[in-house]
């Protein structure tokens, strides 16, 4: 099991309209492709012995949050506000990519038409080639692409590319600010984590709640026949974890935001029965939870309090060299 968390990753895009923004990388569970997310979503093959990286698909990000950000840009394309944007991206079940941006109120989902077949072909290239002699060698993951440069920030990068091997598409955004109270409606995302390839997505909220998005097991979100999200039993659902009563905060104080979450499990991503969730809150509070997601229950809860003060006391008690 691995826990991972890190600081924001910032880079500058040199383009006709330079804009500083965050970049998120998400490795597919197969380790054969990864997604790169900024204001666009790109799918790349990983570096292989016989070839370098290869751009497979690209599309513009979509959803209400992205439209709102576009309204905040001036005519030159530069953001009016100087605050750096923070993005998280992770693969969920069905070879779909989930993207959450800080201060947004929804999860963006993206799908890649033909990705499942391409990964199958990469696993058994000789078998599939023998069964289907018409398979184009250029459709293999381990073949370099000469028609598309590795990285090209031009006007063409701002639109969905039609000359690439796979078709990337924004599917839908799922609202996180669901609930009966006004605070639920105004709540925004401040962190996100998931076990890559699983159907459980954990989003830390500014209110201190942890929203759990249970993604529907859709076989193909690209068919356009129906939405993932409905009232059916097999549709995507949201439920929330509330540990704010254990924070021991004054009644008149604003609840500390859940600024960081990370998780790990020993189960297969498709068969998670229990997982560990680590949630950090403003003010130095941290909880380690053992969850049973299918039962929506917390089996164990370990609270780490006053960690900053304890570290200061420990440091003062150490002998000075």
Protein backbone atom coordinates (compact mmCIF):
# COMPACT_ATOMS: atom_id res chain seq x y z
CA UNK A 1 0.00 0.00 0.00
CA UNK A 2 1.23 3.46 -0.81
CA UNK A 3 0.21 6.86 0.51
CA UNK A 4 1.20 9.79 -1.63
CA UNK A 5 0.66 13.50 -1.37
CA UNK A 6 2.58 16.49 -2.54
CA UNK A 7 2.63 20.22 -3.06
CA UNK A 8 0.99 21.97 -6.02
CA UNK A 9 2.77 21.53 -9.31
CA UNK A 10 3.04 24.78 -11.25
CA UNK A 11 4.34 25.48 -14.72
CA UNK A 12 4.15 28.30 -17.27
CA UNK A 13 2.71 27.72 -20.71
CA UNK A 14 4.53 29.59 -23.47
CA UNK A 15 1.74 30.29 -25.93
CA UNK A 16 0.21 33.28 -27.68
CA UNK A 17 -1.53 34.02 -24.37
CA UNK A 18 0.69 32.83 -21.54
CA UNK A 19 -1.13 31.63 -18.44
CA UNK A 20 0.25 30.11 -15.26
CA UNK A 21 -1.76 27.14 -14.10
CA UNK A 22 -1.48 23.79 -12.37
CA UNK A 23 -0.74 20.51 -14.09
CA UNK A 24 -1.90 17.10 -12.84
CA UNK A 25 -0.59 13.73 -14.02
CA UNK A 26 -2.57 10.52 -13.53
CA UNK A 27 -1.05 7.15 -14.38
CA UNK A 28 -3.52 4.56 -15.66
CA UNK A 29 -3.67 1.33 -13.57
CA UNK A 30 -2.23 -0.55 -16.56
CA UNK A 31 0.90 1.66 -16.38
CA UNK A 32 0.73 1.95 -20.19
CA UNK A 33 -0.90 5.36 -20.55
CA UNK A 34 -1.19 8.47 -18.42
CA UNK A 35 -3.32 11.59 -18.47
CA UNK A 36 -1.99 15.12 -18.33
CA UNK A 37 -4.52 17.74 -17.23
CA UNK A 38 -4.28 21.53 -17.42
CA UNK A 39 -6.90 23.56 -19.24
CA UNK A 40 -6.92 20.59 -21.62
CA UNK A 41 -6.97 16.83 -21.05
CA UNK A 42 -4.31 14.83 -22.87
CA UNK A 43 -3.70 11.09 -23.00
CA UNK A 44 -0.14 9.91 -23.56
CA UNK A 45 1.42 6.48 -23.88
CA UNK A 46 4.23 5.79 -21.44
CA UNK A 47 7.84 5.53 -22.55
CA UNK A 48 8.61 2.06 -23.83
CA UNK A 49 11.96 0.44 -24.75
CA UNK A 50 11.32 0.76 -28.49
CA UNK A 51 9.87 4.27 -28.54
CA UNK A 52 9.28 7.46 -26.63
CA UNK A 53 6.05 8.94 -25.38
CA UNK A 54 3.21 9.38 -27.80
CA UNK A 55 0.20 11.68 -27.71
CA UNK A 56 -2.94 9.56 -28.12
CA UNK A 57 -5.84 11.94 -27.46
CA UNK A 58 -6.65 15.49 -26.47
CA UNK A 59 -9.76 17.50 -25.65
CA UNK A 60 -10.75 20.71 -23.96
CA UNK A 61 -11.93 20.55 -20.37
CA UNK A 62 -15.66 21.10 -19.95
CA UNK A 63 -18.32 21.74 -17.36
CA UNK A 64 -19.81 24.65 -15.46
CA UNK A 65 -16.60 25.37 -13.51
CA UNK A 66 -14.51 25.68 -16.67
CA UNK A 67 -17.13 27.95 -18.23
CA UNK A 68 -17.02 30.12 -15.12
CA UNK A 69 -13.22 30.37 -15.32
CA UNK A 70 -13.44 31.40 -18.95
CA UNK A 71 -15.73 34.24 -17.93
CA UNK A 72 -13.02 35.39 -15.48
CA UNK A 73 -10.41 35.75 -18.23
CA UNK A 74 -9.81 39.04 -19.98
CA UNK A 75 -9.73 39.46 -23.74
CA UNK A 76 -6.04 38.51 -23.91
CA UNK A 77 -6.68 35.13 -22.31
CA UNK A 78 -4.88 35.95 -19.05
CA UNK A 79 -6.56 35.23 -15.73
CA UNK A 80 -7.75 38.33 -13.93
CA UNK A 81 -6.83 36.78 -10.60
CA UNK A 82 -3.24 35.85 -9.85
CA UNK A 83 -4.03 32.89 -7.59
CA UNK A 84 -2.59 29.65 -8.91
CA UNK A 85 -5.16 27.05 -9.87
CA UNK A 86 -4.89 23.59 -8.28
CA UNK A 87 -6.01 20.45 -10.09
CA UNK A 88 -6.32 16.78 -9.11
CA UNK A 89 -6.85 13.93 -11.56
CA UNK A 90 -7.31 10.20 -11.03
CA UNK A 91 -8.54 7.23 -13.05
CA UNK A 92 -11.78 5.61 -11.91
CA UNK A 93 -13.60 2.46 -12.99
CA UNK A 94 -14.42 2.04 -16.65
CA UNK A 95 -11.18 3.66 -17.87
CA UNK A 96 -12.58 7.11 -17.11
CA UNK A 97 -10.70 10.09 -15.78
CA UNK A 98 -12.00 12.17 -12.86
CA UNK A 99 -10.79 15.76 -12.50
CA UNK A 100 -11.39 18.12 -9.59
CA UNK A 101 -10.19 21.69 -9.39
CA UNK A 102 -9.85 23.58 -6.12
CA UNK A 103 -12.86 25.77 -5.26
CA UNK A 104 -15.06 23.98 -7.79
CA UNK A 105 -18.38 22.38 -6.90
CA UNK A 106 -18.29 19.39 -9.23
CA UNK A 107 -16.22 16.47 -10.50
CA UNK A 108 -15.44 16.42 -14.21
CA UNK A 109 -15.44 13.05 -15.97
CA UNK A 110 -13.68 12.24 -19.22
CA UNK A 111 -13.71 9.12 -21.40
CA UNK A 112 -11.43 7.89 -24.20
CA UNK A 113 -13.08 6.01 -27.02
CA UNK A 114 -11.08 2.98 -28.05
CA UNK A 115 -8.75 2.99 -25.02
CA UNK A 116 -9.90 -0.37 -23.68
CA UNK A 117 -9.29 -2.06 -27.04
CA UNK A 118 -5.91 -0.37 -27.37
CA UNK A 119 -4.82 -1.63 -23.95
CA UNK A 120 -5.97 -5.13 -24.79
CA UNK A 121 -3.93 -4.95 -28.00
CA UNK A 122 -0.88 -3.84 -26.02
CA UNK A 123 -1.21 -6.81 -23.65
CA UNK A 124 -1.40 -9.41 -26.43
CA UNK A 125 0.03 -7.80 -29.58
CA UNK A 126 1.12 -11.03 -31.32
CA UNK A 127 -2.18 -12.83 -30.62
CA UNK A 128 -4.32 -9.96 -31.88
CA UNK A 129 -2.12 -9.43 -34.93
CA UNK A 130 -2.53 -13.10 -35.87
CA UNK A 131 -6.30 -12.96 -35.39
CA UNK A 132 -6.68 -9.67 -37.28
CA UNK A 133 -4.06 -9.16 -40.04
CA UNK A 134 -5.61 -5.78 -40.88
CA UNK A 135 -4.43 -4.27 -37.59
CA UNK A 136 -2.40 -1.19 -38.37
CA UNK A 137 1.07 -1.22 -36.85
CA UNK A 138 0.71 2.48 -36.12
CA UNK A 139 -2.19 1.62 -33.78
CA UNK A 140 0.14 -0.08 -31.34
CA UNK A 141 1.18 1.64 -28.14
CA UNK A 142 4.85 0.78 -28.66
CA UNK A 143 5.08 2.48 -32.05
CA UNK A 144 6.25 6.08 -32.29
CA UNK A 145 3.97 8.68 -33.78
CA UNK A 146 5.46 10.98 -36.40
CA UNK A 147 2.26 12.86 -37.20
CA UNK A 148 1.92 14.57 -33.84
CA UNK A 149 4.79 16.31 -31.94
CA UNK A 150 5.37 15.35 -28.33
CA UNK A 151 4.36 18.77 -27.08
CA UNK A 152 2.95 21.59 -29.16
CA UNK A 153 1.30 24.60 -27.53
CA UNK A 154 -0.49 26.22 -30.46
CA UNK A 155 -4.01 27.25 -31.25
CA UNK A 156 -4.62 23.68 -32.42
CA UNK A 157 -3.97 22.46 -28.85
CA UNK A 158 -6.96 24.46 -27.66
CA UNK A 159 -9.41 22.46 -29.72
CA UNK A 160 -10.21 18.76 -29.81
CA UNK A 161 -7.69 17.08 -32.09
CA UNK A 162 -9.19 15.00 -34.86
CA UNK A 163 -5.95 13.53 -36.22
CA UNK A 164 -5.06 11.59 -33.07
CA UNK A 165 -5.50 7.88 -32.55
CA UNK A 166 -8.18 7.99 -29.82
CA UNK A 167 -11.12 10.29 -29.20
CA UNK A 168 -11.15 12.09 -25.85
CA UNK A 169 -14.40 13.59 -24.65
CA UNK A 170 -15.78 15.47 -21.68
CA UNK A 171 -18.69 13.34 -20.46
CA UNK A 172 -20.35 15.21 -17.63
CA UNK A 173 -19.72 17.04 -14.36
CA UNK A 174 -21.19 15.63 -11.17
CA UNK A 175 -22.20 18.15 -8.45
CA UNK A 176 -20.47 17.93 -5.08
CA UNK A 177 -22.55 20.61 -3.32
CA UNK A 178 -25.54 18.35 -2.76
CA UNK A 179 -27.41 18.55 0.55
CA UNK A 180 -30.30 20.10 2.39
CA UNK A 181 -28.57 23.10 3.98
CA UNK A 182 -27.23 26.37 2.62
CA UNK A 183 -23.71 25.41 3.72
CA UNK A 184 -23.96 22.26 1.59
CA UNK A 185 -24.98 24.35 -1.40
CA UNK A 186 -22.10 26.80 -0.95
CA UNK A 187 -19.45 24.15 -0.21
CA UNK A 188 -16.43 23.82 -2.52
CA UNK A 189 -13.68 21.25 -3.08
CA UNK A 190 -10.22 21.76 -1.59
CA UNK A 191 -8.62 18.29 -2.00
CA UNK A 192 -9.19 14.95 -3.70
CA UNK A 193 -7.92 11.36 -3.70
CA UNK A 194 -8.89 7.88 -4.88
CA UNK A 195 -7.48 4.42 -5.41
CA UNK A 196 -6.63 4.43 -9.10
CA UNK A 197 -9.12 2.35 -11.07
CA UNK A 198 -11.68 2.09 -8.27
CA UNK A 199 -15.19 3.53 -8.14
CA UNK A 200 -14.75 5.53 -4.91
CA UNK A 201 -13.66 9.15 -5.12
CA UNK A 202 -12.94 11.11 -1.92
CA UNK A 203 -13.16 14.91 -2.07
CA UNK A 204 -12.19 17.08 0.89
CA UNK A 205 -14.48 20.09 1.22
CA UNK A 206 -14.03 23.58 2.61
CA UNK A 207 -16.74 22.86 5.21
CA UNK A 208 -14.68 20.02 6.69
CA UNK A 209 -16.92 17.35 5.18
CA UNK A 210 -15.54 14.60 2.96
CA UNK A 211 -17.71 13.88 -0.07
CA UNK A 212 -17.57 10.31 -1.38
CA UNK A 213 -18.57 9.96 -5.02
CA UNK A 214 -19.44 6.37 -5.88
CA UNK A 215 -19.04 6.22 -9.66
CA UNK A 216 -21.50 4.18 -11.69
CA UNK A 217 -20.19 1.09 -13.47
CA UNK A 218 -20.80 2.38 -16.98
CA UNK A 219 -19.38 0.16 -19.71
CA UNK A 220 -19.07 2.95 -22.26
CA UNK A 221 -19.68 6.58 -21.45
CA UNK A 222 -18.99 7.63 -25.02
CA UNK A 223 -22.10 6.19 -26.63
CA UNK A 224 -24.12 9.32 -25.92
CA UNK A 225 -27.33 7.33 -25.48
CA UNK A 226 -27.83 8.11 -21.82
CA UNK A 227 -26.26 9.93 -18.93
CA UNK A 228 -24.37 8.16 -16.18
CA UNK A 229 -26.27 10.15 -13.64
CA UNK A 230 -29.88 9.29 -12.92
CA UNK A 231 -32.05 8.09 -10.06
CA UNK A 232 -31.50 4.43 -10.89
CA UNK A 233 -29.91 2.13 -8.33
CA UNK A 234 -26.81 1.67 -10.51
CA UNK A 235 -26.28 5.40 -11.07
CA UNK A 236 -23.48 7.51 -9.60
CA UNK A 237 -24.16 8.43 -5.97
CA UNK A 238 -22.71 10.77 -3.37
CA UNK A 239 -22.51 10.39 0.39
CA UNK A 240 -20.52 12.27 2.97
CA UNK A 241 -18.21 11.57 5.90
CA UNK A 242 -18.56 13.95 8.82
CA UNK A 243 -15.92 13.85 11.56
CA UNK A 244 -16.24 17.51 12.51
CA UNK A 245 -17.63 16.63 15.93
CA UNK A 246 -14.21 15.16 16.76
CA UNK A 247 -12.35 18.36 15.94
CA UNK A 248 -13.22 19.98 19.29
CA UNK A 249 -13.79 23.40 17.78
CA UNK A 250 -15.68 26.27 19.46
CA UNK A 251 -19.33 26.44 18.43
CA UNK A 252 -18.98 29.94 16.98
CA UNK A 253 -15.83 29.09 14.98
CA UNK A 254 -15.84 28.24 11.29
CA UNK A 255 -15.16 24.54 10.68
CA UNK A 256 -11.62 23.85 9.43
CA UNK A 257 -11.40 22.77 5.81
CA UNK A 258 -10.21 19.28 4.86
CA UNK A 259 -7.20 20.53 2.93
CA UNK A 260 -5.62 17.16 2.17
CA UNK A 261 -6.83 13.56 1.78
CA UNK A 262 -5.10 10.39 0.67
CA UNK A 263 -6.09 6.72 0.73
CA UNK A 264 -4.71 3.21 0.31
CA UNK A 265 -6.01 -0.34 0.27
CA UNK A 266 -4.69 -3.89 0.03
CA UNK A 267 -7.70 -4.94 -2.09
CA UNK A 268 -7.96 -4.92 -5.84
CA UNK A 269 -9.39 -1.63 -7.14
CA UNK A 270 -12.46 -3.41 -8.51
CA UNK A 271 -13.12 -5.30 -5.27
CA UNK A 272 -12.51 -2.86 -2.43
CA UNK A 273 -14.05 -4.00 0.84
CA UNK A 274 -12.00 -1.77 3.14
CA UNK A 275 -9.52 1.06 2.78
CA UNK A 276 -7.58 3.52 4.87
CA UNK A 277 -8.35 7.19 4.47
CA UNK A 278 -6.11 9.90 5.91
CA UNK A 279 -7.70 13.34 6.19
CA UNK A 280 -5.88 16.48 7.34
CA UNK A 281 -7.70 19.58 8.57
CA UNK A 282 -6.66 23.15 9.12
CA UNK A 283 -5.38 23.70 12.64
CA UNK A 284 -3.16 20.61 12.78
CA UNK A 285 -5.87 17.94 13.12
CA UNK A 286 -5.53 14.64 11.29
CA UNK A 287 -7.71 11.52 11.19
CA UNK A 288 -6.81 8.03 10.04
CA UNK A 289 -9.96 6.09 9.20
CA UNK A 290 -10.57 2.47 8.27
CA UNK A 291 -13.61 2.52 6.00
CA UNK A 292 -15.99 -0.06 4.57
CA UNK A 293 -17.17 1.91 1.54
CA UNK A 294 -19.84 -0.55 0.49
CA UNK A 295 -21.42 -0.26 3.94
CA UNK A 296 -20.76 3.49 4.15
CA UNK A 297 -19.27 2.97 7.60
CA UNK A 298 -16.17 3.96 9.59
CA UNK A 299 -14.82 0.83 11.26
CA UNK A 300 -11.94 2.54 13.06
CA UNK A 301 -11.02 6.15 13.70
CA UNK A 302 -7.68 7.38 14.96
CA UNK A 303 -7.38 11.06 15.81
CA UNK A 304 -4.02 12.84 15.85
CA UNK A 305 -4.36 16.11 17.75
CA UNK A 306 -2.10 19.08 18.27
CA UNK A 307 0.52 17.52 16.02
CA UNK A 308 2.28 20.83 15.39
CA UNK A 309 2.53 21.66 19.10
CA UNK A 310 3.73 18.15 19.93
CA UNK A 311 6.45 18.42 17.29
CA UNK A 312 7.55 21.74 18.75
CA UNK A 313 7.68 20.25 22.26
CA UNK A 314 9.60 17.24 20.97
CA UNK A 315 12.06 19.45 19.15
CA UNK A 316 12.62 21.55 22.30
CA UNK A 317 13.24 18.40 24.35
CA UNK A 318 15.92 17.07 22.03
CA UNK A 319 19.52 17.73 23.04
CA UNK A 320 21.10 20.59 21.16
CA UNK A 321 24.31 19.75 19.31
